Amino acid sequence: MSARKHVTPIQGEIIEPSNVHERAATALVTVGAMVAVADRHVSAVERDEVVRFISDLGLAAYLTEARLAAMFDERARRLEQRDFAHVVSDALTPVSDLSLSPDLLAISERVAVADETLHPHEVLAIKLLRLLAPGLPQAKPVEQTRRASSAEQRHGEHERERDL
């Protein structure tokens, strides 16, 4: 089910229980802020990327760009505090029944590179998101990919030799 389709509201929602789009927007803002905070330097370009991404999706169209930016700033401040895990959990739990995982991953990756610097802690935040959000494709470790590629290449060479 897409984030844009109607879903029965869940009790204890973050903002407005009856509005699935606002819940999705809140989750996206929170994930974007989580990645932005990971490198200990939140930039305006990262906030702008979150606002643009959500606006392009058309979620909660009544939320102005200024309101989305203010939500991002508030989430970034909260994520720098000790209870940051609660902030993430509270944002993602109400949307766990939506097919929002690809959008969560997309916004996290866009925020990570928005300031043209991919910090190792941003990569870790994306890895954490992959663990928290079911349905996201799992990244293969680079070493494993290299070994598999080398093995496939050797197997292909062996097959060609045998055909000759």
N, C-alpha and C. Protein backbone atom coordinates (compact mmCIF):
# COMPACT_ATOMS: atom_id res chain seq x y z
N MET A 1 0.84 -1.17 0.00
CA MET A 1 0.00 0.00 0.00
C MET A 1 0.88 1.23 0.00
N SER A 2 0.58 2.17 -0.81
CA SER A 2 1.36 3.39 -0.93
C SER A 2 1.06 4.33 0.23
N ALA A 3 2.01 5.20 0.55
CA ALA A 3 1.82 6.17 1.62
C ALA A 3 0.70 7.15 1.28
N ARG A 4 0.35 7.26 0.03
CA ARG A 4 -0.67 8.22 -0.36
C ARG A 4 -2.09 7.67 -0.28
N LYS A 5 -2.25 6.38 -0.02
CA LYS A 5 -3.57 5.78 0.08
C LYS A 5 -4.05 5.88 1.52
N HIS A 6 -5.38 5.82 1.69
CA HIS A 6 -5.95 5.92 3.02
C HIS A 6 -5.65 4.67 3.83
N VAL A 7 -5.28 4.88 5.09
CA VAL A 7 -5.01 3.80 6.02
C VAL A 7 -5.78 4.12 7.30
N THR A 8 -6.32 3.09 7.93
CA THR A 8 -7.03 3.29 9.18
C THR A 8 -6.07 3.90 10.19
N PRO A 9 -6.48 4.98 10.86
CA PRO A 9 -5.58 5.64 11.82
C PRO A 9 -5.21 4.71 12.98
N ILE A 10 -4.02 4.92 13.50
CA ILE A 10 -3.51 4.18 14.65
C ILE A 10 -3.57 5.12 15.84
N GLN A 11 -3.94 4.61 16.99
CA GLN A 11 -3.98 5.43 18.20
C GLN A 11 -2.58 5.90 18.58
N GLY A 12 -2.48 7.08 19.20
CA GLY A 12 -1.20 7.58 19.67
C GLY A 12 -0.34 8.17 18.57
N GLU A 13 -0.95 8.74 17.56
CA GLU A 13 -0.20 9.30 16.44
C GLU A 13 0.61 10.51 16.87
N ILE A 14 1.58 10.85 16.06
CA ILE A 14 2.48 11.95 16.36
C ILE A 14 1.78 13.30 16.27
N ILE A 15 1.10 13.56 15.17
CA ILE A 15 0.52 14.88 14.96
C ILE A 15 -0.99 14.81 14.87
N GLU A 16 -1.50 14.37 13.78
CA GLU A 16 -2.95 14.30 13.58
C GLU A 16 -3.31 12.88 13.19
N PRO A 17 -4.01 12.17 14.10
CA PRO A 17 -4.26 10.75 13.89
C PRO A 17 -4.97 10.41 12.59
N SER A 18 -5.78 11.29 12.09
CA SER A 18 -6.56 10.95 10.90
C SER A 18 -5.84 11.23 9.59
N ASN A 19 -4.65 11.78 9.66
CA ASN A 19 -3.99 12.20 8.44
C ASN A 19 -2.75 11.37 8.14
N VAL A 20 -2.90 10.37 7.31
CA VAL A 20 -1.79 9.49 6.96
C VAL A 20 -0.67 10.26 6.26
N HIS A 21 -1.01 11.27 5.49
CA HIS A 21 0.02 12.04 4.79
C HIS A 21 0.88 12.82 5.77
N GLU A 22 0.27 13.35 6.80
CA GLU A 22 1.05 14.10 7.78
C GLU A 22 1.95 13.16 8.58
N ARG A 23 1.46 11.96 8.87
CA ARG A 23 2.30 10.97 9.55
C ARG A 23 3.50 10.60 8.68
N ALA A 24 3.25 10.42 7.40
CA ALA A 24 4.34 10.08 6.48
C ALA A 24 5.34 11.24 6.37
N ALA A 25 4.83 12.46 6.28
CA ALA A 25 5.72 13.63 6.20
C ALA A 25 6.56 13.74 7.47
N THR A 26 5.97 13.48 8.62
CA THR A 26 6.70 13.54 9.88
C THR A 26 7.80 12.49 9.92
N ALA A 27 7.51 11.29 9.45
CA ALA A 27 8.53 10.24 9.41
C ALA A 27 9.67 10.63 8.48
N LEU A 28 9.34 11.19 7.32
CA LEU A 28 10.37 11.60 6.37
C LEU A 28 11.23 12.74 6.93
N VAL A 29 10.59 13.71 7.58
CA VAL A 29 11.33 14.81 8.20
C VAL A 29 12.28 14.26 9.26
N THR A 30 11.79 13.34 10.06
CA THR A 30 12.60 12.78 11.14
C THR A 30 13.80 12.01 10.60
N VAL A 31 13.58 11.21 9.58
CA VAL A 31 14.68 10.45 8.99
C VAL A 31 15.69 11.39 8.35
N GLY A 32 15.21 12.40 7.65
CA GLY A 32 16.12 13.38 7.06
C GLY A 32 16.95 14.09 8.12
N ALA A 33 16.30 14.47 9.21
CA ALA A 33 17.01 15.14 10.30
C ALA A 33 18.00 14.19 10.97
N MET A 34 17.63 12.91 11.08
CA MET A 34 18.52 11.92 11.70
C MET A 34 19.84 11.82 10.93
N VAL A 35 19.74 11.78 9.62
CA VAL A 35 20.96 11.69 8.80
C VAL A 35 21.73 13.02 8.85
N ALA A 36 21.02 14.14 8.84
CA ALA A 36 21.69 15.44 8.89
C ALA A 36 22.46 15.62 10.19
N VAL A 37 21.89 15.16 11.29
CA VAL A 37 22.52 15.31 12.61
C VAL A 37 23.70 14.36 12.78
N ALA A 38 23.72 13.29 12.03
CA ALA A 38 24.74 12.25 12.21
C ALA A 38 26.17 12.77 12.13
N ASP A 39 26.42 13.74 11.27
CA ASP A 39 27.79 14.26 11.14
C ASP A 39 28.06 15.46 12.05
N ARG A 40 27.11 15.73 12.95
CA ARG A 40 27.23 16.82 13.94
C ARG A 40 27.22 18.21 13.32
N HIS A 41 26.81 18.29 12.06
CA HIS A 41 26.71 19.60 11.39
C HIS A 41 25.48 19.59 10.48
N VAL A 42 24.42 20.24 10.95
CA VAL A 42 23.19 20.32 10.16
C VAL A 42 23.27 21.57 9.31
N SER A 43 23.18 21.38 7.99
CA SER A 43 23.27 22.53 7.10
C SER A 43 21.91 22.86 6.49
N ALA A 44 21.79 24.09 6.04
CA ALA A 44 20.55 24.55 5.41
C ALA A 44 20.26 23.75 4.14
N VAL A 45 21.29 23.33 3.44
CA VAL A 45 21.09 22.57 2.21
C VAL A 45 20.47 21.21 2.51
N GLU A 46 20.80 20.63 3.66
CA GLU A 46 20.19 19.36 4.06
C GLU A 46 18.70 19.57 4.37
N ARG A 47 18.40 20.64 5.09
CA ARG A 47 17.00 20.96 5.39
C ARG A 47 16.23 21.22 4.10
N ASP A 48 16.83 21.97 3.19
CA ASP A 48 16.17 22.28 1.92
C ASP A 48 15.89 21.01 1.11
N GLU A 49 16.79 20.04 1.19
CA GLU A 49 16.61 18.78 0.47
C GLU A 49 15.42 18.01 1.03
N VAL A 50 15.26 18.01 2.35
CA VAL A 50 14.12 17.35 2.98
C VAL A 50 12.82 18.02 2.55
N VAL A 51 12.79 19.33 2.61
CA VAL A 51 11.59 20.08 2.23
C VAL A 51 11.24 19.83 0.77
N ARG A 52 12.23 19.87 -0.10
CA ARG A 52 12.00 19.65 -1.53
C ARG A 52 11.49 18.22 -1.79
N PHE A 53 12.08 17.25 -1.13
CA PHE A 53 11.69 15.85 -1.31
C PHE A 53 10.23 15.65 -0.92
N ILE A 54 9.85 16.15 0.23
CA ILE A 54 8.47 15.98 0.70
C ILE A 54 7.50 16.76 -0.18
N SER A 55 7.87 17.95 -0.58
CA SER A 55 7.02 18.75 -1.47
C SER A 55 6.84 18.05 -2.81
N ASP A 56 7.90 17.47 -3.35
CA ASP A 56 7.82 16.76 -4.62
C ASP A 56 6.91 15.54 -4.53
N LEU A 57 6.88 14.89 -3.37
CA LEU A 57 5.99 13.73 -3.18
C LEU A 57 4.52 14.15 -3.10
N GLY A 58 4.28 15.40 -2.71
CA GLY A 58 2.92 15.89 -2.58
C GLY A 58 2.24 15.42 -1.30
N LEU A 59 3.02 15.02 -0.31
CA LEU A 59 2.45 14.61 0.97
C LEU A 59 2.05 15.82 1.78
N ALA A 60 0.89 15.75 2.40
CA ALA A 60 0.41 16.83 3.27
C ALA A 60 0.61 18.18 2.60
N ALA A 61 -0.01 18.35 1.46
CA ALA A 61 0.18 19.56 0.65
C ALA A 61 -0.12 20.84 1.43
N TYR A 62 -0.95 20.75 2.46
CA TYR A 62 -1.28 21.94 3.24
C TYR A 62 -0.13 22.36 4.16
N LEU A 63 0.88 21.50 4.32
CA LEU A 63 2.06 21.89 5.09
C LEU A 63 2.95 22.74 4.20
N THR A 64 3.12 23.97 4.58
CA THR A 64 3.94 24.88 3.77
C THR A 64 5.41 24.49 3.90
N GLU A 65 6.21 24.99 2.96
CA GLU A 65 7.64 24.72 3.03
C GLU A 65 8.24 25.29 4.31
N ALA A 66 7.72 26.44 4.75
CA ALA A 66 8.21 27.03 6.00
C ALA A 66 7.89 26.12 7.19
N ARG A 67 6.71 25.52 7.18
CA ARG A 67 6.32 24.61 8.27
C ARG A 67 7.19 23.34 8.23
N LEU A 68 7.43 22.80 7.05
CA LEU A 68 8.29 21.63 6.93
C LEU A 68 9.71 21.94 7.42
N ALA A 69 10.20 23.13 7.07
CA ALA A 69 11.55 23.53 7.52
C ALA A 69 11.58 23.66 9.04
N ALA A 70 10.52 24.23 9.62
CA ALA A 70 10.45 24.36 11.07
C ALA A 70 10.37 22.98 11.73
N MET A 71 9.62 22.06 11.12
CA MET A 71 9.55 20.69 11.64
C MET A 71 10.94 20.05 11.62
N PHE A 72 11.66 20.25 10.52
CA PHE A 72 13.01 19.70 10.39
C PHE A 72 13.91 20.25 11.49
N ASP A 73 13.89 21.57 11.68
CA ASP A 73 14.74 22.20 12.70
C ASP A 73 14.42 21.66 14.09
N GLU A 74 13.12 21.49 14.38
CA GLU A 74 12.71 20.96 15.68
C GLU A 74 13.18 19.53 15.85
N ARG A 75 13.02 18.71 14.81
CA ARG A 75 13.47 17.31 14.88
C ARG A 75 14.98 17.23 15.03
N ALA A 76 15.71 18.06 14.31
CA ALA A 76 17.17 18.06 14.42
C ALA A 76 17.60 18.39 15.86
N ARG A 77 16.95 19.37 16.46
CA ARG A 77 17.26 19.72 17.86
C ARG A 77 16.96 18.54 18.78
N ARG A 78 15.82 17.91 18.59
CA ARG A 78 15.44 16.76 19.43
C ARG A 78 16.39 15.59 19.24
N LEU A 79 16.85 15.38 18.03
CA LEU A 79 17.73 14.25 17.75
C LEU A 79 19.14 14.44 18.33
N GLU A 80 19.46 15.64 18.74
CA GLU A 80 20.75 15.90 19.37
C GLU A 80 20.69 15.65 20.88
N GLN A 81 19.50 15.33 21.39
CA GLN A 81 19.33 15.09 22.82
C GLN A 81 19.42 13.60 23.12
N ARG A 82 19.45 13.28 24.41
CA ARG A 82 19.61 11.90 24.85
C ARG A 82 18.50 10.97 24.38
N ASP A 83 17.29 11.48 24.25
CA ASP A 83 16.15 10.62 23.90
C ASP A 83 15.94 10.51 22.39
N PHE A 84 17.01 10.65 21.62
CA PHE A 84 16.89 10.64 20.16
C PHE A 84 16.25 9.35 19.64
N ALA A 85 16.51 8.24 20.30
CA ALA A 85 15.92 6.97 19.84
C ALA A 85 14.41 7.00 19.95
N HIS A 86 13.90 7.65 20.99
CA HIS A 86 12.45 7.78 21.14
C HIS A 86 11.86 8.63 20.03
N VAL A 87 12.57 9.67 19.64
CA VAL A 87 12.10 10.56 18.57
C VAL A 87 11.94 9.77 17.28
N VAL A 88 12.94 8.96 16.94
CA VAL A 88 12.90 8.16 15.72
C VAL A 88 11.80 7.11 15.82
N SER A 89 11.76 6.43 16.93
CA SER A 89 10.74 5.39 17.13
C SER A 89 9.33 5.97 17.06
N ASP A 90 9.11 7.10 17.71
CA ASP A 90 7.79 7.73 17.70
C ASP A 90 7.38 8.18 16.30
N ALA A 91 8.34 8.52 15.48
CA ALA A 91 8.03 8.96 14.12
C ALA A 91 7.77 7.79 13.18
N LEU A 92 8.50 6.69 13.37
CA LEU A 92 8.39 5.57 12.44
C LEU A 92 7.28 4.58 12.80
N THR A 93 6.98 4.42 14.07
CA THR A 93 5.97 3.44 14.48
C THR A 93 4.61 3.69 13.84
N PRO A 94 4.10 4.92 13.81
CA PRO A 94 2.77 5.13 13.22
C PRO A 94 2.70 4.89 11.72
N VAL A 95 3.82 4.82 11.05
CA VAL A 95 3.80 4.59 9.60
C VAL A 95 4.32 3.21 9.24
N SER A 96 4.44 2.35 10.23
CA SER A 96 4.99 1.02 9.97
C SER A 96 4.09 0.19 9.05
N ASP A 97 2.81 0.57 8.93
CA ASP A 97 1.91 -0.17 8.05
C ASP A 97 1.87 0.40 6.63
N LEU A 98 2.67 1.39 6.36
CA LEU A 98 2.71 2.00 5.03
C LEU A 98 3.91 1.47 4.25
N SER A 99 3.85 1.55 2.96
CA SER A 99 4.99 1.18 2.11
C SER A 99 5.88 2.41 1.92
N LEU A 100 6.42 2.87 3.00
CA LEU A 100 7.19 4.11 3.00
C LEU A 100 8.69 3.85 2.98
N SER A 101 9.10 2.61 3.12
CA SER A 101 10.52 2.28 3.21
C SER A 101 11.36 2.83 2.06
N PRO A 102 10.92 2.70 0.79
CA PRO A 102 11.75 3.25 -0.29
C PRO A 102 11.92 4.77 -0.19
N ASP A 103 10.86 5.46 0.24
CA ASP A 103 10.95 6.91 0.40
C ASP A 103 11.87 7.29 1.56
N LEU A 104 11.81 6.52 2.64
CA LEU A 104 12.69 6.77 3.79
C LEU A 104 14.15 6.60 3.39
N LEU A 105 14.42 5.56 2.64
CA LEU A 105 15.79 5.33 2.18
C LEU A 105 16.23 6.42 1.20
N ALA A 106 15.34 6.80 0.30
CA ALA A 106 15.68 7.83 -0.70
C ALA A 106 15.99 9.16 -0.03
N ILE A 107 15.16 9.56 0.93
CA ILE A 107 15.41 10.85 1.59
C ILE A 107 16.70 10.80 2.41
N SER A 108 16.97 9.66 3.03
CA SER A 108 18.20 9.56 3.82
C SER A 108 19.44 9.69 2.93
N GLU A 109 19.40 9.05 1.78
CA GLU A 109 20.54 9.13 0.86
C GLU A 109 20.69 10.53 0.28
N ARG A 110 19.58 11.18 -0.05
CA ARG A 110 19.66 12.53 -0.60
C ARG A 110 20.19 13.53 0.42
N VAL A 111 19.78 13.38 1.67
CA VAL A 111 20.27 14.28 2.72
C VAL A 111 21.76 14.03 2.96
N ALA A 112 22.17 12.78 2.94
CA ALA A 112 23.58 12.45 3.20
C ALA A 112 24.52 13.12 2.21
N VAL A 113 24.11 13.25 0.97
CA VAL A 113 24.99 13.85 -0.05
C VAL A 113 24.62 15.30 -0.38
N ALA A 114 23.62 15.84 0.28
CA ALA A 114 23.17 17.20 -0.04
C ALA A 114 24.26 18.24 0.17
N ASP A 115 25.08 18.07 1.20
CA ASP A 115 26.15 19.03 1.47
C ASP A 115 27.45 18.66 0.76
N GLU A 116 27.35 17.73 -0.19
CA GLU A 116 28.47 17.29 -1.02
C GLU A 116 29.59 16.62 -0.23
N THR A 117 29.26 16.17 0.98
CA THR A 117 30.21 15.45 1.80
C THR A 117 29.48 14.27 2.43
N LEU A 118 29.96 13.07 2.18
CA LEU A 118 29.36 11.88 2.77
C LEU A 118 30.19 11.48 3.97
N HIS A 119 29.68 11.78 5.14
CA HIS A 119 30.38 11.52 6.39
C HIS A 119 30.13 10.07 6.82
N PRO A 120 31.13 9.40 7.40
CA PRO A 120 30.94 8.00 7.83
C PRO A 120 29.76 7.82 8.79
N HIS A 121 29.47 8.81 9.62
CA HIS A 121 28.34 8.69 10.54
C HIS A 121 27.00 8.79 9.80
N GLU A 122 26.98 9.49 8.68
CA GLU A 122 25.76 9.51 7.86
C GLU A 122 25.52 8.13 7.25
N VAL A 123 26.60 7.48 6.85
CA VAL A 123 26.49 6.12 6.31
C VAL A 123 25.94 5.19 7.40
N LEU A 124 26.43 5.34 8.62
CA LEU A 124 25.93 4.52 9.73
C LEU A 124 24.46 4.79 10.00
N ALA A 125 24.04 6.04 9.89
CA ALA A 125 22.63 6.38 10.11
C ALA A 125 21.75 5.70 9.05
N ILE A 126 22.24 5.65 7.82
CA ILE A 126 21.49 4.98 6.75
C ILE A 126 21.44 3.48 7.01
N LYS A 127 22.53 2.91 7.48
CA LYS A 127 22.54 1.48 7.82
C LYS A 127 21.54 1.19 8.94
N LEU A 128 21.48 2.07 9.93
CA LEU A 128 20.52 1.92 11.01
C LEU A 128 19.10 1.98 10.47
N LEU A 129 18.86 2.90 9.58
CA LEU A 129 17.53 3.02 8.97
C LEU A 129 17.16 1.73 8.25
N ARG A 130 18.09 1.14 7.55
CA ARG A 130 17.83 -0.13 6.85
C ARG A 130 17.40 -1.22 7.84
N LEU A 131 17.96 -1.20 9.04
CA LEU A 131 17.58 -2.17 10.06
C LEU A 131 16.20 -1.88 10.63
N LEU A 132 15.87 -0.61 10.75
CA LEU A 132 14.60 -0.21 11.34
C LEU A 132 13.42 -0.31 10.39
N ALA A 133 13.67 -0.08 9.12
CA ALA A 133 12.59 -0.04 8.13
C ALA A 133 12.54 -1.35 7.35
N PRO A 134 11.54 -2.16 7.59
CA PRO A 134 11.45 -3.43 6.86
C PRO A 134 11.21 -3.21 5.38
N GLY A 135 11.69 -4.13 4.60
CA GLY A 135 11.44 -4.06 3.17
C GLY A 135 12.49 -3.32 2.38
N LEU A 136 13.45 -2.68 3.05
CA LEU A 136 14.50 -1.99 2.32
C LEU A 136 15.49 -3.02 1.81
N PRO A 137 16.01 -2.81 0.61
CA PRO A 137 17.02 -3.74 0.11
C PRO A 137 18.27 -3.64 0.97
N GLN A 138 18.85 -4.76 1.30
CA GLN A 138 20.04 -4.78 2.13
C GLN A 138 21.28 -4.61 1.26
N ALA A 139 22.16 -3.75 1.70
CA ALA A 139 23.40 -3.53 0.97
C ALA A 139 24.32 -4.72 1.18
N LYS A 140 25.06 -5.08 0.16
CA LYS A 140 26.04 -6.16 0.28
C LYS A 140 27.37 -5.53 0.69
N PRO A 141 28.08 -6.17 1.63
CA PRO A 141 29.41 -5.65 1.98
C PRO A 141 30.30 -5.63 0.74
N VAL A 142 31.14 -4.63 0.64
CA VAL A 142 31.99 -4.45 -0.53
C VAL A 142 32.88 -5.67 -0.76
N GLU A 143 33.49 -6.21 0.29
CA GLU A 143 34.37 -7.38 0.14
C GLU A 143 33.61 -8.56 -0.43
N GLN A 144 32.39 -8.78 0.06
CA GLN A 144 31.59 -9.89 -0.41
C GLN A 144 31.26 -9.72 -1.90
N THR A 145 30.95 -8.50 -2.29
CA THR A 145 30.63 -8.22 -3.68
C THR A 145 31.86 -8.45 -4.56
N ARG A 146 33.02 -8.02 -4.10
CA ARG A 146 34.25 -8.22 -4.87
C ARG A 146 34.55 -9.70 -5.05
N ARG A 147 34.41 -10.49 -3.96
CA ARG A 147 34.67 -11.92 -4.04
C ARG A 147 33.72 -12.60 -5.00
N ALA A 148 32.45 -12.24 -4.92
CA ALA A 148 31.45 -12.85 -5.81
C ALA A 148 31.75 -12.48 -7.26
N SER A 149 32.13 -11.24 -7.49
CA SER A 149 32.44 -10.80 -8.84
C SER A 149 33.66 -11.54 -9.39
N SER A 150 34.69 -11.70 -8.55
CA SER A 150 35.89 -12.43 -8.98
C SER A 150 35.56 -13.88 -9.27
N ALA A 151 34.74 -14.49 -8.42
CA ALA A 151 34.36 -15.89 -8.62
C ALA A 151 33.57 -16.05 -9.91
N GLU A 152 32.65 -15.12 -10.17
CA GLU A 152 31.86 -15.18 -11.41
C GLU A 152 32.77 -15.01 -12.62
N GLN A 153 33.75 -14.13 -12.51
CA GLN A 153 34.66 -13.87 -13.61
C GLN A 153 35.50 -15.13 -13.88
N ARG A 154 36.02 -15.76 -12.82
CA ARG A 154 36.81 -16.99 -12.99
C ARG A 154 35.96 -18.10 -13.59
N HIS A 155 34.72 -18.21 -13.13
CA HIS A 155 33.81 -19.24 -13.65
C HIS A 155 33.55 -19.00 -15.14
N GLY A 156 33.35 -17.74 -15.51
CA GLY A 156 33.11 -17.40 -16.92
C GLY A 156 34.31 -17.72 -17.79
N GLU A 157 35.52 -17.45 -17.29
CA GLU A 157 36.73 -17.76 -18.04
C GLU A 157 36.88 -19.27 -18.21
N HIS A 158 36.57 -20.01 -17.15
CA HIS A 158 36.64 -21.47 -17.20
C HIS A 158 35.66 -22.02 -18.24
N GLU A 159 34.45 -21.47 -18.27
CA GLU A 159 33.43 -21.90 -19.23
C GLU A 159 33.90 -21.63 -20.67
N ARG A 160 34.52 -20.45 -20.89
CA ARG A 160 34.99 -20.11 -22.24
C ARG A 160 36.12 -21.04 -22.66
N GLU A 161 37.04 -21.37 -21.76
CA GLU A 161 38.14 -22.27 -22.07
C GLU A 161 37.59 -23.65 -22.44
N ARG A 162 36.60 -24.10 -21.69
CA ARG A 162 36.02 -25.41 -21.94
C ARG A 162 35.33 -25.46 -23.30
N ASP A 163 34.71 -24.35 -23.69
CA ASP A 163 34.01 -24.30 -24.99
C ASP A 163 34.99 -24.33 -26.16
N LEU A 164 36.25 -23.92 -25.93
CA LEU A 164 37.22 -23.89 -27.03
C LEU A 164 37.72 -25.23 -27.30
